[in-house]
Amino acid sequence: MTKVTDVVLNLIKIKGQKKEEAANTNERPPAKKQSPGELRLHKDIAELNLPKNTKVTFPNGKDDLMNIEVTLRPDEGYYVGGIFVFSFHVPHAYPHEPSKVRFITHPNIDLEGNVCLNILREDWKPVLNINTIIYGLNLLFIQPNHEDPLNHDAAVVLRDDPQKFQRDVQAAMLGGYVGQVYFPRCK
């Protein structure tokens, strides 16, 4: 009985040595262990079901999925015809923590680029994903919400004078000043 155990142990040892030799001959560095957040993000990206007006890119290449750029081209609402790029930084604790998303020129987006979307704050749940955030961002462009703004000035104009808000949006998208704030062209 002891001899069978010794043989099995030797076979396991030889198999391990062969794996090690094969790895050394390929001269590849050992694979980096992925965090649970990275594993979940791989799954979410594979399952993306984007609206036709949305594009996802990885500015640091496919090796860095934790940093994503999402480009929206609204096809209805105040922002129709605009091109809006958001940067997503996905934390390693994802999905237990929401992504950090930044941009500007919107009542629900402040001048520093912070996005006011309830699912990026108090309503975040691990069952939500990148796809949910992208649909939420699209909704902000179709139906801006003046009741929960980060950009209070834009929200007041939207609430009190929607036609002026429309003119301000168009002026901002063409590039130029709205009040004292300069907006780069996004059309």
N, C-alpha and C. Protein backbone atom coordinates (compact mmCIF):
# COMPACT_ATOMS: atom_id res chain seq x y z
N MET A 1 0.82 -1.19 0.00
CA MET A 1 0.00 0.00 0.00
C MET A 1 0.87 1.25 0.00
N THR A 2 1.94 1.24 0.76
CA THR A 2 2.80 2.41 0.83
C THR A 2 3.42 2.70 -0.52
N LYS A 3 3.74 1.66 -1.27
CA LYS A 3 4.36 1.86 -2.57
C LYS A 3 3.40 2.55 -3.54
N VAL A 4 2.12 2.25 -3.50
CA VAL A 4 1.14 2.91 -4.36
C VAL A 4 1.08 4.40 -4.01
N THR A 5 1.08 4.72 -2.73
CA THR A 5 1.06 6.11 -2.29
C THR A 5 2.30 6.84 -2.78
N ASP A 6 3.47 6.20 -2.68
CA ASP A 6 4.71 6.80 -3.14
C ASP A 6 4.67 7.05 -4.65
N VAL A 7 4.14 6.12 -5.40
CA VAL A 7 4.04 6.27 -6.85
C VAL A 7 3.13 7.45 -7.19
N VAL A 8 1.98 7.55 -6.53
CA VAL A 8 1.04 8.63 -6.79
C VAL A 8 1.69 9.98 -6.46
N LEU A 9 2.39 10.04 -5.33
CA LEU A 9 3.07 11.29 -4.95
C LEU A 9 4.14 11.66 -5.96
N ASN A 10 4.89 10.67 -6.45
CA ASN A 10 5.92 10.93 -7.46
C ASN A 10 5.30 11.42 -8.76
N LEU A 11 4.17 10.83 -9.15
CA LEU A 11 3.49 11.27 -10.38
C LEU A 11 3.01 12.72 -10.25
N ILE A 12 2.48 13.06 -9.10
CA ILE A 12 2.03 14.44 -8.86
C ILE A 12 3.21 15.39 -8.93
N LYS A 13 4.33 14.99 -8.33
CA LYS A 13 5.53 15.82 -8.32
C LYS A 13 6.06 16.00 -9.75
N ILE A 14 6.10 14.94 -10.54
CA ILE A 14 6.58 15.00 -11.92
C ILE A 14 5.65 15.89 -12.76
N LYS A 15 4.36 15.75 -12.56
CA LYS A 15 3.39 16.56 -13.29
C LYS A 15 3.60 18.05 -12.99
N GLY A 16 3.84 18.37 -11.73
CA GLY A 16 4.10 19.76 -11.33
C GLY A 16 5.38 20.29 -11.97
N GLN A 17 6.43 19.44 -12.01
CA GLN A 17 7.69 19.85 -12.64
C GLN A 17 7.49 20.10 -14.13
N LYS A 18 6.72 19.26 -14.79
CA LYS A 18 6.48 19.43 -16.22
C LYS A 18 5.71 20.72 -16.50
N LYS A 19 4.74 21.04 -15.67
CA LYS A 19 4.01 22.30 -15.82
C LYS A 19 4.95 23.48 -15.67
N GLU A 20 5.82 23.40 -14.68
CA GLU A 20 6.78 24.47 -14.43
C GLU A 20 7.74 24.63 -15.61
N GLU A 21 8.23 23.51 -16.13
CA GLU A 21 9.13 23.55 -17.29
C GLU A 21 8.42 24.14 -18.50
N ALA A 22 7.19 23.76 -18.72
CA ALA A 22 6.43 24.28 -19.86
C ALA A 22 6.23 25.79 -19.73
N ALA A 23 5.97 26.23 -18.53
CA ALA A 23 5.80 27.67 -18.31
C ALA A 23 7.10 28.41 -18.57
N ASN A 24 8.22 27.82 -18.16
CA ASN A 24 9.52 28.47 -18.36
C ASN A 24 9.91 28.51 -19.82
N THR A 25 9.57 27.50 -20.59
CA THR A 25 9.95 27.49 -22.00
C THR A 25 9.14 28.50 -22.80
N ASN A 26 7.94 28.81 -22.39
CA ASN A 26 7.13 29.82 -23.06
C ASN A 26 7.56 31.23 -22.67
N GLU A 27 8.33 31.34 -21.63
CA GLU A 27 8.83 32.61 -21.10
C GLU A 27 7.72 33.61 -20.88
N ARG A 28 6.58 33.17 -20.50
CA ARG A 28 5.48 34.06 -20.17
C ARG A 28 5.50 34.30 -18.67
N PRO A 29 5.22 35.54 -18.25
CA PRO A 29 5.12 35.77 -16.82
C PRO A 29 3.89 35.05 -16.27
N PRO A 30 3.92 34.68 -15.02
CA PRO A 30 2.74 34.01 -14.45
C PRO A 30 1.53 34.94 -14.56
N ALA A 31 0.38 34.34 -14.77
CA ALA A 31 -0.85 35.12 -14.92
C ALA A 31 -1.16 35.87 -13.64
N LYS A 32 -1.56 37.15 -13.80
CA LYS A 32 -1.93 37.97 -12.66
C LYS A 32 -3.27 37.50 -12.12
N LYS A 33 -3.35 37.35 -10.82
CA LYS A 33 -4.61 36.93 -10.21
C LYS A 33 -5.58 38.10 -10.25
N GLN A 34 -6.79 37.84 -10.70
CA GLN A 34 -7.78 38.89 -10.81
C GLN A 34 -8.59 39.01 -9.54
N SER A 35 -8.95 40.25 -9.20
CA SER A 35 -9.79 40.50 -8.04
C SER A 35 -11.22 40.06 -8.37
N PRO A 36 -12.04 39.84 -7.35
CA PRO A 36 -13.44 39.51 -7.63
C PRO A 36 -14.13 40.58 -8.47
N GLY A 37 -13.76 41.85 -8.24
CA GLY A 37 -14.33 42.93 -9.03
C GLY A 37 -13.98 42.82 -10.50
N GLU A 38 -12.73 42.46 -10.80
CA GLU A 38 -12.31 42.28 -12.19
C GLU A 38 -13.04 41.11 -12.83
N LEU A 39 -13.19 40.03 -12.09
CA LEU A 39 -13.92 38.87 -12.62
C LEU A 39 -15.36 39.23 -12.94
N ARG A 40 -16.02 39.96 -12.04
CA ARG A 40 -17.41 40.37 -12.26
C ARG A 40 -17.48 41.32 -13.45
N LEU A 41 -16.50 42.23 -13.56
CA LEU A 41 -16.50 43.19 -14.66
C LEU A 41 -16.34 42.48 -16.01
N HIS A 42 -15.48 41.46 -16.07
CA HIS A 42 -15.36 40.66 -17.29
C HIS A 42 -16.72 40.12 -17.71
N LYS A 43 -17.45 39.59 -16.75
CA LYS A 43 -18.78 39.03 -17.02
C LYS A 43 -19.72 40.13 -17.50
N ASP A 44 -19.73 41.28 -16.80
CA ASP A 44 -20.62 42.37 -17.19
C ASP A 44 -20.32 42.88 -18.59
N ILE A 45 -19.05 43.00 -18.92
CA ILE A 45 -18.68 43.50 -20.25
C ILE A 45 -19.10 42.50 -21.32
N ALA A 46 -18.93 41.23 -21.04
CA ALA A 46 -19.34 40.20 -22.00
C ALA A 46 -20.85 40.23 -22.24
N GLU A 47 -21.60 40.66 -21.25
CA GLU A 47 -23.07 40.67 -21.35
C GLU A 47 -23.64 42.04 -21.72
N LEU A 48 -22.78 43.03 -22.05
CA LEU A 48 -23.29 44.35 -22.39
C LEU A 48 -24.31 44.28 -23.52
N ASN A 49 -25.38 45.00 -23.34
CA ASN A 49 -26.42 45.12 -24.35
C ASN A 49 -26.67 46.61 -24.53
N LEU A 50 -25.81 47.26 -25.31
CA LEU A 50 -25.79 48.71 -25.39
C LEU A 50 -26.86 49.26 -26.32
N PRO A 51 -27.38 50.44 -25.97
CA PRO A 51 -28.25 51.12 -26.93
C PRO A 51 -27.44 51.46 -28.18
N LYS A 52 -28.11 51.62 -29.31
CA LYS A 52 -27.40 51.85 -30.57
C LYS A 52 -26.60 53.15 -30.57
N ASN A 53 -26.92 54.07 -29.67
CA ASN A 53 -26.24 55.36 -29.63
C ASN A 53 -25.08 55.39 -28.63
N THR A 54 -24.61 54.22 -28.22
CA THR A 54 -23.59 54.13 -27.17
C THR A 54 -22.42 53.28 -27.62
N LYS A 55 -21.22 53.74 -27.27
CA LYS A 55 -20.00 53.01 -27.61
C LYS A 55 -19.13 52.92 -26.36
N VAL A 56 -18.52 51.76 -26.15
CA VAL A 56 -17.62 51.53 -25.00
C VAL A 56 -16.21 51.28 -25.53
N THR A 57 -15.22 51.97 -24.94
CA THR A 57 -13.82 51.76 -25.29
C THR A 57 -13.00 51.65 -24.01
N PHE A 58 -11.79 51.14 -24.16
CA PHE A 58 -10.88 50.97 -23.03
C PHE A 58 -9.63 51.79 -23.33
N PRO A 59 -9.53 53.02 -22.76
CA PRO A 59 -8.45 53.93 -23.11
C PRO A 59 -7.06 53.39 -22.79
N ASN A 60 -6.93 52.52 -21.83
CA ASN A 60 -5.63 51.95 -21.46
C ASN A 60 -5.42 50.57 -22.07
N GLY A 61 -6.27 50.18 -23.01
CA GLY A 61 -6.16 48.88 -23.65
C GLY A 61 -7.00 47.83 -22.94
N LYS A 62 -7.12 46.68 -23.58
CA LYS A 62 -7.96 45.60 -23.06
C LYS A 62 -7.40 44.97 -21.79
N ASP A 63 -6.13 45.28 -21.45
CA ASP A 63 -5.57 44.73 -20.21
C ASP A 63 -6.05 45.49 -18.98
N ASP A 64 -6.65 46.66 -19.18
CA ASP A 64 -7.13 47.46 -18.06
C ASP A 64 -8.63 47.70 -18.24
N LEU A 65 -9.42 46.73 -17.82
CA LEU A 65 -10.86 46.84 -17.95
C LEU A 65 -11.48 47.69 -16.84
N MET A 66 -10.69 48.07 -15.85
CA MET A 66 -11.22 48.84 -14.73
C MET A 66 -11.39 50.32 -15.09
N ASN A 67 -10.87 50.74 -16.24
CA ASN A 67 -11.03 52.11 -16.72
C ASN A 67 -11.69 52.05 -18.09
N ILE A 68 -12.86 52.64 -18.17
CA ILE A 68 -13.70 52.52 -19.35
C ILE A 68 -14.12 53.91 -19.79
N GLU A 69 -14.25 54.10 -21.10
CA GLU A 69 -14.86 55.32 -21.62
C GLU A 69 -16.15 54.93 -22.34
N VAL A 70 -17.19 55.66 -22.04
CA VAL A 70 -18.49 55.42 -22.67
C VAL A 70 -18.87 56.69 -23.42
N THR A 71 -19.14 56.55 -24.70
CA THR A 71 -19.55 57.68 -25.54
C THR A 71 -21.03 57.54 -25.85
N LEU A 72 -21.79 58.58 -25.52
CA LEU A 72 -23.23 58.62 -25.79
C LEU A 72 -23.49 59.64 -26.88
N ARG A 73 -24.37 59.29 -27.80
CA ARG A 73 -24.85 60.20 -28.85
C ARG A 73 -26.37 60.18 -28.78
N PRO A 74 -26.95 61.02 -27.91
CA PRO A 74 -28.42 61.00 -27.76
C PRO A 74 -29.14 61.19 -29.08
N ASP A 75 -30.18 60.40 -29.29
CA ASP A 75 -30.95 60.50 -30.52
C ASP A 75 -32.34 61.10 -30.28
N GLU A 76 -32.54 61.64 -29.07
CA GLU A 76 -33.77 62.36 -28.75
C GLU A 76 -33.51 63.23 -27.53
N GLY A 77 -34.41 64.16 -27.26
CA GLY A 77 -34.29 65.02 -26.09
C GLY A 77 -33.46 66.27 -26.36
N TYR A 78 -33.16 67.01 -25.31
CA TYR A 78 -32.43 68.27 -25.41
C TYR A 78 -31.04 68.10 -26.04
N TYR A 79 -30.43 66.98 -25.82
CA TYR A 79 -29.03 66.78 -26.19
C TYR A 79 -28.85 66.02 -27.50
N VAL A 80 -29.89 65.89 -28.30
CA VAL A 80 -29.81 65.16 -29.56
C VAL A 80 -28.69 65.75 -30.42
N GLY A 81 -27.90 64.86 -31.01
CA GLY A 81 -26.81 65.29 -31.88
C GLY A 81 -25.50 65.53 -31.17
N GLY A 82 -25.50 65.54 -29.86
CA GLY A 82 -24.27 65.76 -29.12
C GLY A 82 -23.46 64.48 -28.96
N ILE A 83 -22.20 64.66 -28.66
CA ILE A 83 -21.31 63.52 -28.40
C ILE A 83 -20.76 63.73 -27.00
N PHE A 84 -21.04 62.80 -26.10
CA PHE A 84 -20.68 62.95 -24.70
C PHE A 84 -19.87 61.75 -24.24
N VAL A 85 -18.71 62.04 -23.68
CA VAL A 85 -17.81 60.98 -23.25
C VAL A 85 -17.74 60.99 -21.73
N PHE A 86 -17.96 59.82 -21.15
CA PHE A 86 -17.88 59.62 -19.71
C PHE A 86 -16.71 58.70 -19.41
N SER A 87 -16.00 59.00 -18.34
CA SER A 87 -14.96 58.07 -17.90
C SER A 87 -15.50 57.30 -16.70
N PHE A 88 -15.31 56.00 -16.73
CA PHE A 88 -15.71 55.12 -15.64
C PHE A 88 -14.44 54.60 -14.98
N HIS A 89 -14.36 54.71 -13.68
CA HIS A 89 -13.30 54.00 -12.95
C HIS A 89 -14.02 52.98 -12.07
N VAL A 90 -13.77 51.72 -12.34
CA VAL A 90 -14.44 50.65 -11.61
C VAL A 90 -13.54 50.23 -10.45
N PRO A 91 -14.03 50.33 -9.21
CA PRO A 91 -13.19 49.97 -8.06
C PRO A 91 -13.00 48.45 -7.97
N HIS A 92 -11.93 48.05 -7.30
CA HIS A 92 -11.67 46.61 -7.14
C HIS A 92 -12.74 45.94 -6.27
N ALA A 93 -13.47 46.75 -5.48
CA ALA A 93 -14.54 46.20 -4.65
C ALA A 93 -15.86 46.07 -5.43
N TYR A 94 -15.84 46.39 -6.72
CA TYR A 94 -17.02 46.21 -7.56
C TYR A 94 -17.44 44.75 -7.53
N PRO A 95 -18.66 44.41 -7.42
CA PRO A 95 -19.87 45.20 -7.54
C PRO A 95 -20.41 45.71 -6.21
N HIS A 96 -19.66 45.55 -5.15
CA HIS A 96 -20.14 46.01 -3.85
C HIS A 96 -20.03 47.52 -3.70
N GLU A 97 -19.23 48.14 -4.57
CA GLU A 97 -19.13 49.60 -4.64
C GLU A 97 -19.40 49.99 -6.09
N PRO A 98 -20.08 51.12 -6.29
CA PRO A 98 -20.37 51.53 -7.67
C PRO A 98 -19.14 52.13 -8.35
N SER A 99 -19.20 52.21 -9.65
CA SER A 99 -18.14 52.86 -10.43
C SER A 99 -18.17 54.36 -10.16
N LYS A 100 -17.04 55.00 -10.38
CA LYS A 100 -16.95 56.47 -10.35
C LYS A 100 -17.08 56.93 -11.79
N VAL A 101 -18.06 57.78 -12.06
CA VAL A 101 -18.35 58.24 -13.41
C VAL A 101 -18.27 59.76 -13.43
N ARG A 102 -17.61 60.32 -14.47
CA ARG A 102 -17.42 61.77 -14.55
C ARG A 102 -17.76 62.31 -15.93
N PHE A 103 -18.31 63.57 -15.94
CA PHE A 103 -18.56 64.34 -17.15
C PHE A 103 -18.99 65.75 -16.76
N ILE A 104 -19.43 66.58 -17.76
CA ILE A 104 -19.92 67.94 -17.49
C ILE A 104 -21.12 68.29 -18.39
N THR A 105 -21.65 69.54 -18.22
CA THR A 105 -22.70 70.18 -19.05
C THR A 105 -24.09 69.56 -18.94
N HIS A 106 -24.56 69.37 -17.79
CA HIS A 106 -25.87 68.75 -17.62
C HIS A 106 -26.39 69.08 -16.23
N PRO A 107 -27.72 69.27 -16.05
CA PRO A 107 -28.21 69.61 -14.71
C PRO A 107 -27.91 68.52 -13.68
N ASN A 108 -27.77 67.30 -14.14
CA ASN A 108 -27.47 66.22 -13.21
C ASN A 108 -25.99 65.88 -13.21
N ILE A 109 -25.19 66.79 -13.80
CA ILE A 109 -23.74 66.64 -13.84
C ILE A 109 -23.16 68.00 -13.48
N ASP A 110 -22.32 68.06 -12.45
CA ASP A 110 -21.78 69.37 -12.05
C ASP A 110 -20.59 69.76 -12.91
N LEU A 111 -20.07 70.97 -12.70
CA LEU A 111 -19.00 71.50 -13.54
C LEU A 111 -17.67 70.79 -13.33
N GLU A 112 -17.56 69.97 -12.31
CA GLU A 112 -16.37 69.15 -12.11
C GLU A 112 -16.52 67.77 -12.74
N GLY A 113 -17.67 67.50 -13.31
CA GLY A 113 -17.89 66.23 -14.01
C GLY A 113 -18.53 65.15 -13.17
N ASN A 114 -18.89 65.44 -11.93
CA ASN A 114 -19.57 64.45 -11.09
C ASN A 114 -20.98 64.23 -11.60
N VAL A 115 -21.41 62.99 -11.58
CA VAL A 115 -22.72 62.62 -12.13
C VAL A 115 -23.68 62.32 -10.99
N CYS A 116 -24.87 62.93 -11.07
CA CYS A 116 -25.91 62.71 -10.07
C CYS A 116 -26.88 61.68 -10.62
N LEU A 117 -26.60 60.45 -10.32
CA LEU A 117 -27.45 59.33 -10.73
C LEU A 117 -27.60 58.46 -9.50
N ASN A 118 -28.83 58.31 -9.02
CA ASN A 118 -29.05 57.64 -7.74
C ASN A 118 -28.41 56.26 -7.65
N ILE A 119 -28.28 55.55 -8.77
CA ILE A 119 -27.67 54.21 -8.70
C ILE A 119 -26.15 54.29 -8.55
N LEU A 120 -25.57 55.49 -8.66
CA LEU A 120 -24.14 55.66 -8.38
C LEU A 120 -23.91 56.08 -6.94
N ARG A 121 -25.00 56.18 -6.18
CA ARG A 121 -24.90 56.60 -4.77
C ARG A 121 -25.70 55.64 -3.90
N GLU A 122 -26.74 56.18 -3.29
CA GLU A 122 -27.48 55.44 -2.28
C GLU A 122 -28.27 54.24 -2.82
N ASP A 123 -28.60 54.23 -4.08
CA ASP A 123 -29.40 53.12 -4.62
C ASP A 123 -28.55 52.04 -5.30
N TRP A 124 -27.22 52.12 -5.15
CA TRP A 124 -26.35 51.09 -5.74
C TRP A 124 -26.56 49.77 -5.02
N LYS A 125 -26.63 48.70 -5.78
CA LYS A 125 -26.72 47.34 -5.24
C LYS A 125 -25.82 46.45 -6.08
N PRO A 126 -25.22 45.44 -5.49
CA PRO A 126 -24.33 44.55 -6.25
C PRO A 126 -24.97 43.87 -7.45
N VAL A 127 -26.30 43.79 -7.49
CA VAL A 127 -26.94 43.16 -8.65
C VAL A 127 -26.94 44.09 -9.86
N LEU A 128 -26.68 45.39 -9.65
CA LEU A 128 -26.59 46.33 -10.76
C LEU A 128 -25.25 46.16 -11.44
N ASN A 129 -25.12 46.69 -12.66
CA ASN A 129 -23.88 46.51 -13.39
C ASN A 129 -23.60 47.70 -14.30
N ILE A 130 -22.52 47.61 -15.08
CA ILE A 130 -22.13 48.68 -15.98
C ILE A 130 -23.25 48.98 -16.97
N ASN A 131 -23.91 47.98 -17.47
CA ASN A 131 -25.01 48.16 -18.41
C ASN A 131 -26.10 49.04 -17.80
N THR A 132 -26.43 48.81 -16.52
CA THR A 132 -27.44 49.60 -15.83
C THR A 132 -27.02 51.06 -15.76
N ILE A 133 -25.74 51.31 -15.48
CA ILE A 133 -25.24 52.68 -15.38
C ILE A 133 -25.35 53.36 -16.75
N ILE A 134 -24.98 52.66 -17.80
CA ILE A 134 -25.03 53.24 -19.14
C ILE A 134 -26.47 53.61 -19.51
N TYR A 135 -27.42 52.75 -19.21
CA TYR A 135 -28.82 53.07 -19.49
C TYR A 135 -29.28 54.25 -18.64
N GLY A 136 -28.80 54.33 -17.39
CA GLY A 136 -29.13 55.48 -16.54
C GLY A 136 -28.57 56.78 -17.10
N LEU A 137 -27.35 56.75 -17.62
CA LEU A 137 -26.76 57.94 -18.23
C LEU A 137 -27.56 58.36 -19.46
N ASN A 138 -27.94 57.40 -20.27
CA ASN A 138 -28.76 57.71 -21.45
C ASN A 138 -30.06 58.38 -21.04
N LEU A 139 -30.67 57.89 -19.97
CA LEU A 139 -31.93 58.47 -19.49
C LEU A 139 -31.73 59.91 -19.03
N LEU A 140 -30.58 60.23 -18.41
CA LEU A 140 -30.31 61.61 -18.00
C LEU A 140 -30.32 62.56 -19.18
N PHE A 141 -29.87 62.09 -20.35
CA PHE A 141 -29.86 62.95 -21.52
C PHE A 141 -31.23 63.06 -22.17
N ILE A 142 -32.02 62.03 -22.06
CA ILE A 142 -33.37 62.06 -22.64
C ILE A 142 -34.32 62.82 -21.73
N GLN A 143 -34.19 62.61 -20.41
CA GLN A 143 -35.07 63.25 -19.44
C GLN A 143 -34.25 63.81 -18.27
N PRO A 144 -33.60 64.97 -18.45
CA PRO A 144 -32.85 65.55 -17.33
C PRO A 144 -33.78 65.78 -16.14
N ASN A 145 -33.27 65.63 -14.95
CA ASN A 145 -34.08 65.73 -13.74
C ASN A 145 -33.69 66.98 -12.95
N HIS A 146 -34.57 67.98 -12.95
CA HIS A 146 -34.28 69.21 -12.21
C HIS A 146 -34.56 69.06 -10.71
N GLU A 147 -35.15 67.97 -10.28
CA GLU A 147 -35.50 67.79 -8.87
C GLU A 147 -34.35 67.24 -8.03
N ASP A 148 -33.33 66.67 -8.65
CA ASP A 148 -32.19 66.11 -7.91
C ASP A 148 -30.89 66.50 -8.63
N PRO A 149 -30.60 67.82 -8.69
CA PRO A 149 -29.47 68.25 -9.51
C PRO A 149 -28.16 68.33 -8.75
N LEU A 150 -27.08 68.26 -9.50
CA LEU A 150 -25.77 68.67 -9.00
C LEU A 150 -25.48 70.07 -9.50
N ASN A 151 -25.93 70.37 -10.72
CA ASN A 151 -25.75 71.69 -11.32
C ASN A 151 -27.06 72.46 -11.09
N HIS A 152 -27.11 73.16 -9.96
CA HIS A 152 -28.35 73.83 -9.55
C HIS A 152 -28.77 74.93 -10.51
N ASP A 153 -27.82 75.67 -11.08
CA ASP A 153 -28.15 76.73 -12.02
C ASP A 153 -28.87 76.17 -13.24
N ALA A 154 -28.33 75.09 -13.82
CA ALA A 154 -28.95 74.47 -14.98
C ALA A 154 -30.33 73.92 -14.62
N ALA A 155 -30.47 73.39 -13.41
CA ALA A 155 -31.76 72.81 -13.00
C ALA A 155 -32.83 73.89 -12.88
N VAL A 156 -32.46 75.07 -12.37
CA VAL A 156 -33.43 76.17 -12.24
C VAL A 156 -33.90 76.60 -13.62
N VAL A 157 -32.96 76.72 -14.57
CA VAL A 157 -33.34 77.10 -15.93
C VAL A 157 -34.24 76.02 -16.54
N LEU A 158 -33.89 74.76 -16.37
CA LEU A 158 -34.71 73.67 -16.92
C LEU A 158 -36.12 73.73 -16.34
N ARG A 159 -36.22 73.95 -15.05
CA ARG A 159 -37.54 73.98 -14.39
C ARG A 159 -38.35 75.20 -14.80
N ASP A 160 -37.69 76.39 -14.81
CA ASP A 160 -38.42 77.64 -15.00
C ASP A 160 -38.58 78.08 -16.46
N ASP A 161 -37.66 77.68 -17.32
CA ASP A 161 -37.69 78.15 -18.70
C ASP A 161 -37.08 77.09 -19.63
N PRO A 162 -37.84 76.02 -19.92
CA PRO A 162 -37.31 74.93 -20.76
C PRO A 162 -36.79 75.39 -22.12
N GLN A 163 -37.40 76.44 -22.71
CA GLN A 163 -36.91 76.93 -24.00
C GLN A 163 -35.52 77.53 -23.85
N LYS A 164 -35.27 78.29 -22.79
CA LYS A 164 -33.94 78.85 -22.54
C LYS A 164 -32.96 77.71 -22.27
N PHE A 165 -33.41 76.71 -21.54
CA PHE A 165 -32.54 75.55 -21.29
C PHE A 165 -32.14 74.92 -22.62
N GLN A 166 -33.10 74.76 -23.53
CA GLN A 166 -32.81 74.19 -24.86
C GLN A 166 -31.77 75.04 -25.59
N ARG A 167 -31.93 76.37 -25.55
CA ARG A 167 -30.97 77.27 -26.22
C ARG A 167 -29.58 77.14 -25.56
N ASP A 168 -29.55 77.07 -24.23
CA ASP A 168 -28.27 76.94 -23.51
C ASP A 168 -27.58 75.62 -23.86
N VAL A 169 -28.35 74.55 -23.94
CA VAL A 169 -27.79 73.24 -24.29
C VAL A 169 -27.18 73.32 -25.69
N GLN A 170 -27.92 73.89 -26.63
CA GLN A 170 -27.41 73.99 -28.00
C GLN A 170 -26.15 74.85 -28.06
N ALA A 171 -26.14 75.96 -27.33
CA ALA A 171 -24.96 76.83 -27.29
C ALA A 171 -23.77 76.08 -26.70
N ALA A 172 -23.99 75.34 -25.63
CA ALA A 172 -22.91 74.58 -25.00
C ALA A 172 -22.40 73.50 -25.93
N MET A 173 -23.30 72.81 -26.62
CA MET A 173 -22.88 71.72 -27.49
C MET A 173 -22.09 72.23 -28.70
N LEU A 174 -22.37 73.46 -29.15
CA LEU A 174 -21.62 74.03 -30.27
C LEU A 174 -20.25 74.55 -29.83
N GLY A 175 -20.05 74.64 -28.52
CA GLY A 175 -18.80 75.16 -27.99
C GLY A 175 -18.92 76.65 -27.75
N GLY A 176 -18.69 77.07 -26.54
CA GLY A 176 -18.80 78.48 -26.22
C GLY A 176 -19.26 78.66 -24.79
N TYR A 177 -19.63 79.89 -24.50
CA TYR A 177 -20.02 80.24 -23.14
C TYR A 177 -21.52 80.14 -22.96
N VAL A 178 -21.89 79.67 -21.79
CA VAL A 178 -23.25 79.77 -21.29
C VAL A 178 -23.08 80.45 -19.95
N GLY A 179 -23.52 81.71 -19.89
CA GLY A 179 -23.21 82.51 -18.72
C GLY A 179 -21.70 82.75 -18.68
N GLN A 180 -21.09 82.45 -17.58
CA GLN A 180 -19.65 82.64 -17.41
C GLN A 180 -18.85 81.35 -17.61
N VAL A 181 -19.51 80.28 -17.99
CA VAL A 181 -18.85 78.98 -18.10
C VAL A 181 -18.63 78.62 -19.57
N TYR A 182 -17.39 78.25 -19.90
CA TYR A 182 -17.06 77.83 -21.25
C TYR A 182 -17.26 76.32 -21.38
N PHE A 183 -17.87 75.90 -22.47
CA PHE A 183 -18.07 74.49 -22.75
C PHE A 183 -17.40 74.14 -24.08
N PRO A 184 -16.62 73.07 -24.11
CA PRO A 184 -16.00 72.66 -25.38
C PRO A 184 -17.06 72.07 -26.31
N ARG A 185 -16.80 72.16 -27.58
CA ARG A 185 -17.71 71.64 -28.60
C ARG A 185 -17.89 70.13 -28.41
N CYS A 186 -19.14 69.68 -28.47
CA CYS A 186 -19.40 68.25 -28.33
C CYS A 186 -20.39 67.79 -29.39
N LYS A 187 -20.42 68.48 -30.49
CA LYS A 187 -21.36 68.15 -31.56
C LYS A 187 -20.63 67.87 -32.83
